[in-house]
Structure formats: C-alpha cells, structure tokens
Amino acid sequence: DKLVLVVCCHLFWNPNWPHAKVAQSYLATVEARHFLEQRGLDPDAVGVVIAGDFNSMRHVQPSFFPAEQKALYAQKGGGLAAGYTMSGVYELYSKGRLVAEHPEHPDSFGRSVESVEAEARGDKAEKKRAKAGDLSTNGLELRD
C-alpha cells in the first residue's frame, strides 16, 4: 500500500500579481511537507498530488508586468534571451525550482533596473529588502 496526499488549491486570480501566485504555490509545497512530517510520515515515501485552479498560464506574460518590470525584462532581452519563458508557477511545479531572478519571483517582481543595479552595487541609499531566495518544491518530486 502506498499513501497519497492530495493538495487542492485555488490561487489568486489577478494576472497582474504573478508573484503572489508563485508565493502561494511555494507555500502549498511547504505545507504539504509539514503536514506529512507532523504525522511522522516520510515525504519521500508518500505520493503527492497538487491540483487546483492555478490561474496561471504556462508562459510568462510580460504584458501584465508593472512598467519597471517590463523595462528590466526588456533589458535582459525578454523571453528566450532572458532565459525565462515559463511562468513562475509552471516552472516551480514542473522543474521543482524557481530562481530568484525569474521575473515573476517575489524577490524580483516589480523592481526597476535602477533598484536592482543599486542593490548590486551595495548602495546604502537603496532600502534593503528581505529576500526569499531561490524557491523549491521542498523536496517533493512533482511530475506533470
């Protein structure tokens, strides 16, 4: 007998908030792992199905980015040139990881080119933000 955990979620609907959907997707994996561990179950030994209404497209949709984010995405060449074609939710769930530089990641979403450059220089005037860093599916192996 093999146990299966089914997680059902309904992510935020607004296409202008892809970073919120990424955060919710990530938290679903955190809570799934936590749920299993609380019950003394090995997350690697339990099948996990994450289902629901993800309100997310397969591909990045720069038309919904704020102006600052569009500029940053365009500066990187956009699309394939920038290395980001999948939406943040789709990439997190299909690859098991989402790098912090992805345009829909909560650490980079809505940031201006100037802000990113100032922080990289260590500019003291640039307000330091708490960062989540790269996100993962918390060791849950997900397959589509």
N, C-alpha and C. Protein backbone atom coordinates (compact mmCIF):
# COMPACT_ATOMS: atom_id res chain seq x y z
N ASP A 1 0.83 -1.19 0.00
CA ASP A 1 0.00 0.00 0.00
C ASP A 1 0.87 1.25 0.00
N LYS A 2 0.50 2.21 -0.82
CA LYS A 2 1.22 3.48 -0.87
C LYS A 2 0.26 4.60 -0.53
N LEU A 3 0.70 5.49 0.33
CA LEU A 3 -0.12 6.63 0.71
C LEU A 3 -0.01 7.73 -0.34
N VAL A 4 -1.09 8.48 -0.50
CA VAL A 4 -1.11 9.61 -1.41
C VAL A 4 -1.71 10.80 -0.68
N LEU A 5 -1.05 11.94 -0.75
CA LEU A 5 -1.57 13.19 -0.21
C LEU A 5 -2.05 14.03 -1.38
N VAL A 6 -3.30 14.47 -1.32
CA VAL A 6 -3.85 15.33 -2.36
C VAL A 6 -3.98 16.73 -1.80
N VAL A 7 -3.34 17.68 -2.46
CA VAL A 7 -3.40 19.08 -2.08
C VAL A 7 -4.23 19.79 -3.14
N CYS A 8 -5.26 20.49 -2.71
CA CYS A 8 -6.10 21.21 -3.66
C CYS A 8 -6.03 22.70 -3.31
N CYS A 9 -5.73 23.52 -4.29
CA CYS A 9 -5.60 24.95 -4.01
C CYS A 9 -6.26 25.77 -5.13
N HIS A 10 -6.59 26.98 -4.78
CA HIS A 10 -7.14 27.93 -5.74
C HIS A 10 -6.34 29.21 -5.57
N LEU A 11 -5.47 29.49 -6.54
CA LEU A 11 -4.56 30.62 -6.44
C LEU A 11 -5.24 31.93 -6.84
N PHE A 12 -4.65 33.02 -6.38
CA PHE A 12 -5.15 34.36 -6.66
C PHE A 12 -5.40 34.53 -8.15
N TRP A 13 -6.46 35.20 -8.52
CA TRP A 13 -6.90 35.27 -9.90
C TRP A 13 -6.23 36.34 -10.75
N ASN A 14 -5.79 37.43 -10.16
CA ASN A 14 -5.37 38.62 -10.91
C ASN A 14 -4.07 38.39 -11.69
N PRO A 15 -4.09 38.53 -13.04
CA PRO A 15 -2.87 38.31 -13.83
C PRO A 15 -1.78 39.34 -13.55
N ASN A 16 -2.12 40.45 -12.90
CA ASN A 16 -1.11 41.46 -12.56
C ASN A 16 -0.31 41.09 -11.31
N TRP A 17 -0.63 39.98 -10.68
CA TRP A 17 0.03 39.56 -9.45
C TRP A 17 0.63 38.15 -9.57
N PRO A 18 1.47 37.88 -10.58
CA PRO A 18 2.02 36.53 -10.72
C PRO A 18 2.93 36.15 -9.55
N HIS A 19 3.54 37.15 -8.91
CA HIS A 19 4.42 36.87 -7.77
C HIS A 19 3.61 36.32 -6.59
N ALA A 20 2.35 36.75 -6.44
CA ALA A 20 1.50 36.22 -5.37
C ALA A 20 1.18 34.75 -5.64
N LYS A 21 0.95 34.42 -6.91
CA LYS A 21 0.66 33.03 -7.28
C LYS A 21 1.88 32.14 -7.03
N VAL A 22 3.07 32.66 -7.32
CA VAL A 22 4.30 31.90 -7.05
C VAL A 22 4.42 31.65 -5.55
N ALA A 23 4.19 32.68 -4.75
CA ALA A 23 4.29 32.52 -3.30
C ALA A 23 3.27 31.50 -2.80
N GLN A 24 2.05 31.57 -3.29
CA GLN A 24 1.03 30.61 -2.87
C GLN A 24 1.39 29.19 -3.30
N SER A 25 1.94 29.03 -4.49
CA SER A 25 2.35 27.71 -4.98
C SER A 25 3.46 27.13 -4.12
N TYR A 26 4.42 27.97 -3.79
CA TYR A 26 5.52 27.56 -2.93
C TYR A 26 4.99 27.16 -1.56
N LEU A 27 4.11 27.97 -0.99
CA LEU A 27 3.58 27.67 0.34
C LEU A 27 2.77 26.38 0.36
N ALA A 28 2.15 26.04 -0.75
CA ALA A 28 1.43 24.76 -0.82
C ALA A 28 2.40 23.59 -0.63
N THR A 29 3.61 23.69 -1.20
CA THR A 29 4.59 22.61 -1.03
C THR A 29 5.16 22.60 0.39
N VAL A 30 5.36 23.79 0.96
CA VAL A 30 5.84 23.88 2.35
C VAL A 30 4.85 23.20 3.28
N GLU A 31 3.58 23.54 3.11
CA GLU A 31 2.55 22.99 3.99
C GLU A 31 2.32 21.50 3.76
N ALA A 32 2.45 21.04 2.52
CA ALA A 32 2.31 19.60 2.24
C ALA A 32 3.39 18.82 2.96
N ARG A 33 4.61 19.29 2.86
CA ARG A 33 5.72 18.61 3.55
C ARG A 33 5.52 18.66 5.06
N HIS A 34 5.14 19.82 5.57
CA HIS A 34 4.92 19.99 7.00
C HIS A 34 3.80 19.05 7.49
N PHE A 35 2.72 18.97 6.74
CA PHE A 35 1.60 18.09 7.08
C PHE A 35 2.07 16.64 7.23
N LEU A 36 2.87 16.18 6.28
CA LEU A 36 3.36 14.80 6.32
C LEU A 36 4.32 14.58 7.50
N GLU A 37 5.24 15.52 7.69
CA GLU A 37 6.21 15.38 8.77
C GLU A 37 5.53 15.41 10.14
N GLN A 38 4.50 16.24 10.31
CA GLN A 38 3.77 16.31 11.58
C GLN A 38 3.14 14.97 11.93
N ARG A 39 2.83 14.19 10.94
CA ARG A 39 2.19 12.90 11.16
C ARG A 39 3.19 11.76 11.15
N GLY A 40 4.48 12.10 11.18
CA GLY A 40 5.52 11.09 11.22
C GLY A 40 5.69 10.33 9.93
N LEU A 41 5.24 10.91 8.83
CA LEU A 41 5.36 10.25 7.53
C LEU A 41 6.56 10.79 6.77
N ASP A 42 7.21 9.93 6.04
CA ASP A 42 8.36 10.33 5.22
C ASP A 42 7.84 10.94 3.91
N PRO A 43 8.07 12.23 3.69
CA PRO A 43 7.57 12.86 2.45
C PRO A 43 8.07 12.19 1.18
N ASP A 44 9.22 11.53 1.25
CA ASP A 44 9.75 10.85 0.07
C ASP A 44 9.03 9.54 -0.21
N ALA A 45 8.29 9.03 0.77
CA ALA A 45 7.61 7.76 0.62
C ALA A 45 6.12 7.92 0.32
N VAL A 46 5.64 9.15 0.31
CA VAL A 46 4.22 9.41 0.08
C VAL A 46 4.06 10.12 -1.27
N GLY A 47 3.16 9.64 -2.09
CA GLY A 47 2.86 10.33 -3.34
C GLY A 47 2.11 11.62 -3.04
N VAL A 48 2.46 12.69 -3.74
CA VAL A 48 1.80 13.97 -3.53
C VAL A 48 1.21 14.44 -4.85
N VAL A 49 -0.07 14.77 -4.82
CA VAL A 49 -0.76 15.32 -5.98
C VAL A 49 -1.16 16.74 -5.60
N ILE A 50 -0.68 17.71 -6.38
CA ILE A 50 -1.10 19.10 -6.17
C ILE A 50 -2.00 19.47 -7.33
N ALA A 51 -3.25 19.76 -7.00
CA ALA A 51 -4.25 20.05 -8.02
C ALA A 51 -4.97 21.34 -7.66
N GLY A 52 -5.66 21.89 -8.63
CA GLY A 52 -6.45 23.07 -8.33
C GLY A 52 -6.55 24.02 -9.50
N ASP A 53 -7.03 25.19 -9.20
CA ASP A 53 -7.12 26.26 -10.18
C ASP A 53 -5.93 27.18 -9.92
N PHE A 54 -4.90 27.06 -10.75
CA PHE A 54 -3.67 27.82 -10.54
C PHE A 54 -3.74 29.22 -11.14
N ASN A 55 -4.77 29.50 -11.91
CA ASN A 55 -4.92 30.83 -12.52
C ASN A 55 -3.61 31.32 -13.12
N SER A 56 -2.91 30.44 -13.78
CA SER A 56 -1.59 30.75 -14.31
C SER A 56 -1.43 30.13 -15.68
N MET A 57 -0.81 30.86 -16.57
CA MET A 57 -0.52 30.34 -17.90
C MET A 57 0.80 29.58 -17.85
N ARG A 58 1.05 28.80 -18.88
CA ARG A 58 2.32 28.07 -18.96
C ARG A 58 3.49 29.03 -19.20
N HIS A 59 3.24 30.10 -19.94
CA HIS A 59 4.32 31.02 -20.33
C HIS A 59 4.24 32.33 -19.57
N VAL A 60 5.40 32.96 -19.41
CA VAL A 60 5.48 34.30 -18.81
C VAL A 60 4.63 35.25 -19.65
N GLN A 61 3.95 36.17 -18.99
CA GLN A 61 3.11 37.15 -19.68
C GLN A 61 3.59 38.56 -19.32
N PRO A 62 4.64 39.05 -20.00
CA PRO A 62 5.19 40.36 -19.66
C PRO A 62 4.20 41.51 -19.82
N SER A 63 3.15 41.31 -20.60
CA SER A 63 2.16 42.40 -20.77
C SER A 63 1.48 42.75 -19.45
N PHE A 64 1.52 41.86 -18.47
CA PHE A 64 0.91 42.14 -17.17
C PHE A 64 1.92 42.66 -16.14
N PHE A 65 3.19 42.77 -16.52
CA PHE A 65 4.20 43.27 -15.59
C PHE A 65 4.01 44.77 -15.36
N PRO A 66 4.37 45.28 -14.16
CA PRO A 66 4.41 46.73 -13.98
C PRO A 66 5.48 47.33 -14.90
N ALA A 67 5.41 48.61 -15.15
CA ALA A 67 6.33 49.28 -16.09
C ALA A 67 7.79 49.00 -15.76
N GLU A 68 8.14 49.07 -14.47
CA GLU A 68 9.54 48.85 -14.07
C GLU A 68 10.00 47.43 -14.42
N GLN A 69 9.09 46.47 -14.22
CA GLN A 69 9.43 45.09 -14.51
C GLN A 69 9.55 44.86 -16.00
N LYS A 70 8.71 45.49 -16.79
CA LYS A 70 8.81 45.38 -18.25
C LYS A 70 10.16 45.87 -18.72
N ALA A 71 10.63 46.99 -18.14
CA ALA A 71 11.93 47.54 -18.52
C ALA A 71 13.06 46.57 -18.18
N LEU A 72 13.00 45.97 -17.01
CA LEU A 72 14.03 45.02 -16.59
C LEU A 72 14.01 43.79 -17.49
N TYR A 73 12.84 43.29 -17.79
CA TYR A 73 12.69 42.11 -18.65
C TYR A 73 13.21 42.41 -20.05
N ALA A 74 12.87 43.60 -20.58
CA ALA A 74 13.33 44.00 -21.91
C ALA A 74 14.85 44.18 -21.94
N GLN A 75 15.41 44.74 -20.84
CA GLN A 75 16.85 44.95 -20.78
C GLN A 75 17.59 43.61 -20.86
N LYS A 76 17.00 42.58 -20.31
CA LYS A 76 17.62 41.25 -20.35
C LYS A 76 17.36 40.56 -21.68
N GLY A 77 16.61 41.20 -22.56
CA GLY A 77 16.34 40.64 -23.87
C GLY A 77 14.98 39.99 -23.99
N GLY A 78 14.28 39.83 -22.88
CA GLY A 78 12.94 39.23 -22.88
C GLY A 78 12.93 37.80 -23.37
N GLY A 79 11.90 37.07 -23.01
CA GLY A 79 11.69 35.71 -23.49
C GLY A 79 12.89 34.81 -23.40
N LEU A 80 13.20 34.12 -24.50
CA LEU A 80 14.30 33.17 -24.53
C LEU A 80 15.63 33.83 -24.23
N ALA A 81 15.82 35.07 -24.71
CA ALA A 81 17.09 35.76 -24.47
C ALA A 81 17.31 35.98 -22.98
N ALA A 82 16.23 36.24 -22.24
CA ALA A 82 16.35 36.45 -20.80
C ALA A 82 16.40 35.11 -20.06
N GLY A 83 16.06 34.04 -20.75
CA GLY A 83 16.09 32.72 -20.13
C GLY A 83 14.83 32.37 -19.37
N TYR A 84 13.80 33.18 -19.48
CA TYR A 84 12.57 32.94 -18.73
C TYR A 84 11.38 32.92 -19.68
N THR A 85 10.93 31.75 -20.04
CA THR A 85 9.77 31.64 -20.90
C THR A 85 8.57 31.05 -20.15
N MET A 86 8.83 30.24 -19.13
CA MET A 86 7.74 29.64 -18.36
C MET A 86 7.28 30.59 -17.27
N SER A 87 6.00 30.54 -16.97
CA SER A 87 5.50 31.31 -15.84
C SER A 87 6.16 30.79 -14.57
N GLY A 88 6.19 31.61 -13.54
CA GLY A 88 6.82 31.22 -12.28
C GLY A 88 6.17 30.00 -11.66
N VAL A 89 4.85 29.96 -11.66
CA VAL A 89 4.13 28.82 -11.09
C VAL A 89 4.45 27.55 -11.87
N TYR A 90 4.39 27.64 -13.20
CA TYR A 90 4.64 26.47 -14.03
C TYR A 90 6.08 25.98 -13.86
N GLU A 91 7.02 26.91 -13.84
CA GLU A 91 8.43 26.50 -13.69
C GLU A 91 8.68 25.86 -12.32
N LEU A 92 8.13 26.45 -11.27
CA LEU A 92 8.31 25.89 -9.93
C LEU A 92 7.78 24.47 -9.87
N TYR A 93 6.58 24.26 -10.37
CA TYR A 93 5.97 22.94 -10.27
C TYR A 93 6.52 21.94 -11.28
N SER A 94 6.93 22.39 -12.46
CA SER A 94 7.42 21.43 -13.46
C SER A 94 8.90 21.11 -13.30
N LYS A 95 9.67 22.07 -12.80
CA LYS A 95 11.11 21.84 -12.65
C LYS A 95 11.54 21.65 -11.19
N GLY A 96 10.64 21.99 -10.26
CA GLY A 96 10.96 21.82 -8.85
C GLY A 96 11.75 22.96 -8.25
N ARG A 97 11.99 24.01 -9.04
CA ARG A 97 12.82 25.13 -8.57
C ARG A 97 12.48 26.39 -9.35
N LEU A 98 12.59 27.53 -8.67
CA LEU A 98 12.40 28.82 -9.33
C LEU A 98 13.48 29.76 -8.80
N VAL A 99 14.35 30.21 -9.70
CA VAL A 99 15.45 31.08 -9.28
C VAL A 99 14.90 32.47 -8.93
N ALA A 100 15.58 33.13 -8.00
CA ALA A 100 15.14 34.44 -7.51
C ALA A 100 15.12 35.50 -8.59
N GLU A 101 15.88 35.31 -9.67
CA GLU A 101 15.94 36.30 -10.75
C GLU A 101 14.78 36.18 -11.73
N HIS A 102 13.98 35.13 -11.62
CA HIS A 102 12.83 34.96 -12.52
C HIS A 102 11.93 36.19 -12.38
N PRO A 103 11.42 36.74 -13.49
CA PRO A 103 10.64 37.98 -13.40
C PRO A 103 9.35 37.87 -12.59
N GLU A 104 8.85 36.66 -12.34
CA GLU A 104 7.64 36.51 -11.54
C GLU A 104 7.93 36.08 -10.11
N HIS A 105 9.19 35.93 -9.77
CA HIS A 105 9.58 35.56 -8.40
C HIS A 105 9.32 36.75 -7.48
N PRO A 106 8.82 36.52 -6.27
CA PRO A 106 8.55 37.64 -5.35
C PRO A 106 9.77 38.54 -5.07
N ASP A 107 10.99 38.01 -5.17
CA ASP A 107 12.19 38.83 -4.93
C ASP A 107 12.47 39.81 -6.06
N SER A 108 12.03 39.52 -7.29
CA SER A 108 12.38 40.39 -8.41
C SER A 108 11.19 41.10 -9.03
N PHE A 109 9.98 40.66 -8.74
CA PHE A 109 8.80 41.23 -9.39
C PHE A 109 8.63 42.71 -9.06
N GLY A 110 8.41 43.50 -10.11
CA GLY A 110 8.12 44.92 -9.94
C GLY A 110 9.30 45.81 -9.62
N ARG A 111 10.50 45.27 -9.70
CA ARG A 111 11.68 46.07 -9.36
C ARG A 111 12.21 46.77 -10.60
N SER A 112 12.68 47.99 -10.42
CA SER A 112 13.23 48.75 -11.54
C SER A 112 14.67 48.34 -11.80
N VAL A 113 15.14 48.63 -12.99
CA VAL A 113 16.53 48.37 -13.35
C VAL A 113 17.45 49.11 -12.38
N GLU A 114 17.10 50.37 -12.09
CA GLU A 114 17.92 51.19 -11.19
C GLU A 114 18.00 50.57 -9.79
N SER A 115 16.89 50.06 -9.30
CA SER A 115 16.85 49.45 -7.97
C SER A 115 17.73 48.20 -7.90
N VAL A 116 17.62 47.37 -8.92
CA VAL A 116 18.42 46.15 -8.97
C VAL A 116 19.90 46.49 -9.04
N GLU A 117 20.26 47.46 -9.89
CA GLU A 117 21.66 47.86 -10.04
C GLU A 117 22.20 48.49 -8.76
N ALA A 118 21.40 49.35 -8.12
CA ALA A 118 21.84 50.00 -6.88
C ALA A 118 22.08 48.96 -5.79
N GLU A 119 21.21 48.00 -5.69
CA GLU A 119 21.39 46.95 -4.68
C GLU A 119 22.64 46.13 -4.98
N ALA A 120 22.89 45.84 -6.26
CA ALA A 120 24.08 45.08 -6.64
C ALA A 120 25.37 45.83 -6.31
N ARG A 121 25.31 47.16 -6.42
CA ARG A 121 26.48 47.99 -6.06
C ARG A 121 26.65 48.11 -4.56
N GLY A 122 25.62 47.75 -3.81
CA GLY A 122 25.69 47.91 -2.36
C GLY A 122 25.38 49.33 -1.93
N ASP A 123 24.66 50.06 -2.78
CA ASP A 123 24.29 51.44 -2.49
C ASP A 123 23.54 51.52 -1.17
N LYS A 124 24.08 52.26 -0.21
CA LYS A 124 23.49 52.38 1.13
C LYS A 124 22.12 53.04 1.08
N ALA A 125 21.89 53.88 0.09
CA ALA A 125 20.61 54.58 -0.02
C ALA A 125 19.50 53.63 -0.46
N GLU A 126 19.88 52.51 -1.07
CA GLU A 126 18.87 51.55 -1.52
C GLU A 126 18.36 50.76 -0.32
N LYS A 127 17.09 50.82 -0.11
CA LYS A 127 16.47 50.11 1.01
C LYS A 127 16.68 48.61 0.84
N LYS A 128 17.18 47.99 1.87
CA LYS A 128 17.40 46.55 1.83
C LYS A 128 16.06 45.84 2.01
N ARG A 129 15.84 44.86 1.18
CA ARG A 129 14.59 44.09 1.24
C ARG A 129 14.88 42.69 1.74
N ALA A 130 13.98 42.17 2.54
CA ALA A 130 14.10 40.77 2.93
C ALA A 130 13.85 39.93 1.68
N LYS A 131 14.65 38.91 1.50
CA LYS A 131 14.55 38.11 0.29
C LYS A 131 14.29 36.65 0.63
N ALA A 132 13.54 36.01 -0.22
CA ALA A 132 13.25 34.59 -0.06
C ALA A 132 14.34 33.74 -0.71
N GLY A 133 15.01 34.27 -1.73
CA GLY A 133 15.99 33.49 -2.48
C GLY A 133 15.30 32.50 -3.41
N ASP A 134 16.08 31.59 -3.97
CA ASP A 134 15.51 30.59 -4.86
C ASP A 134 14.45 29.79 -4.12
N LEU A 135 13.39 29.44 -4.81
CA LEU A 135 12.32 28.64 -4.23
C LEU A 135 12.38 27.23 -4.78
N SER A 136 11.94 26.27 -3.99
CA SER A 136 11.90 24.89 -4.47
C SER A 136 10.59 24.26 -4.03
N THR A 137 10.38 23.04 -4.46
CA THR A 137 9.19 22.31 -4.06
C THR A 137 9.45 21.53 -2.77
N ASN A 138 10.46 21.95 -2.02
CA ASN A 138 10.75 21.39 -0.69
C ASN A 138 10.98 19.89 -0.70
N GLY A 139 11.67 19.43 -1.70
CA GLY A 139 12.00 18.01 -1.78
C GLY A 139 10.88 17.16 -2.32
N LEU A 140 9.71 17.75 -2.59
CA LEU A 140 8.63 16.99 -3.19
C LEU A 140 8.91 16.86 -4.68
N GLU A 141 8.96 15.66 -5.18
CA GLU A 141 9.21 15.46 -6.60
C GLU A 141 7.89 15.52 -7.32
N LEU A 142 7.71 16.55 -8.13
CA LEU A 142 6.44 16.75 -8.83
C LEU A 142 6.60 16.42 -10.30
N ARG A 143 5.60 15.81 -10.84
CA ARG A 143 5.60 15.47 -12.27
C ARG A 143 4.29 15.89 -12.86
N ASP A 144 4.33 16.31 -14.15
CA ASP A 144 3.05 16.65 -14.79
C ASP A 144 2.51 15.49 -15.57
